[in-house]
Amino acid sequence: MIKNILWIVALCSLICLCTAEKRSPACSSSLSMPPYPAGESTAATLPGTDRTFRIYLPSTYQSSTEATPPPLLFAFHGGFGSGFTMEAKSHFDALAEKNGFVVVYPDATSEADITSWNAGSCCGPAALRRVDDIAFVASLYDHLVAELCVDQDRVFAAGHSNGGMLSYRVGCELSDLFAGVAAVEGAHVYADCAPTHPVSVYVIHGTLDSNVPYAGGAGCGHSIYEYPSVAHAVEVWVGNNDCASPASTVQPPLLEQGNGVCRRYSDCAVGGDTVLCTLDGTGHGWPSTQNLGETGDCGLSPTSRTFDASGNIWTFFETVPDRSETFVGASPSPSPSPSSSASRQDVFSVAFFLLLSSLFPFLSSC
């Protein structure tokens, strides 16, 4: 009887450790006030660097240990943009306030007044100088989870244009940290994409995008680059997430809104949902019913005013399984920093050891 109780206790411990949210280190802090004011946008600099970002904490944010940790969203601006412009056009602050998540808007490096991200083979000065933007994102992640009480199982990235390209690369290289990524009007330009865990991916792209053409090819204006097609990006992630063949098993529309139709690919790995939203007849601007002043596409194509990119991205992220559900049985992944690597695997190992310890007397008596 006692052996059975020990076995049940160990099994329950394992289940709880693998399904509860992963609270960031700051959740155990004695700080009564958050490092950034809640309910307003704040500009900040990553300590020890010259890299900057903006951050928004919802007014419901609490740093107490009793609080339910909120999700964290990284929002990457496009080329020539900034965290401030991304904040303004995405309206993620309003969504964060409504849905209770934290959103951070990192700034890319700037050279000759050109801001750009190194997303792989593109874009601009950042790619030419091989700026290590993945190290920056990982360092900012570590800083935020040390400073803020957030759910490390529910960290996401979304980006526009060059920022969407970086989101893809984040999914490739930081799959142990990010549960899902979204790319809006961005191409997949990172060649060595080998995530160690499934990553949910949400792709939004207009068929008349001239900056980053839907079918691939040279972009207009400053986007003089031979981009791979949207189909290439989908193919990469359908493969990474072990989805069924897209040619024959794409499901009926997940969502039809305005000029957009979203389709989910079937039989993907847990935590690896892959969705493509095609926006018919519109171009490169951030799709929104609110950004009536934004254009894009070198002035060649209209921006969608009937598809809510930000709202639909967050709705998708809310359906993504907790990161813990995709870690069980997965191989360990290398981490860019000590604080963001082994903690989940260590917890699982301890729980597994407890389970085996409780089972050993029972097995030896059989």
Foldseek 3Di string as FASTA:
>chain_A
DVLVVLLVVLVVLLVCLLADFDKFPLLPDPDFDAPDDAPDKDKDAQPPDRWIKIKHFANPFGSYNPDDAAEEEEEEEAKLDFLVVRCVVQVVNVVCNVVVHMYMYTFADDDPSIGADCLACDDDPCVVVVPPVLLVVQSVVSVDSNRGTHGQLQYEYEYAARSLSNRQSCCQAVVLRHLEYEYEQYFPRHDPRAHLWAHAYEYEFECPAQLAHQCFQAHPDNSGDTGHHPVVVLVVLCVNQVFPDPVPAWDAFPDDKQQKTKIWTHDGHQSHIYMYIYRYQFYRDDAELPCPPDAHRVNPGGHHNTDNVSVVVVVVSVPHRGNSVGPVPTDFDDGSDDVRGCPSVVSSVVSVVSSVVSCVVVVVVD
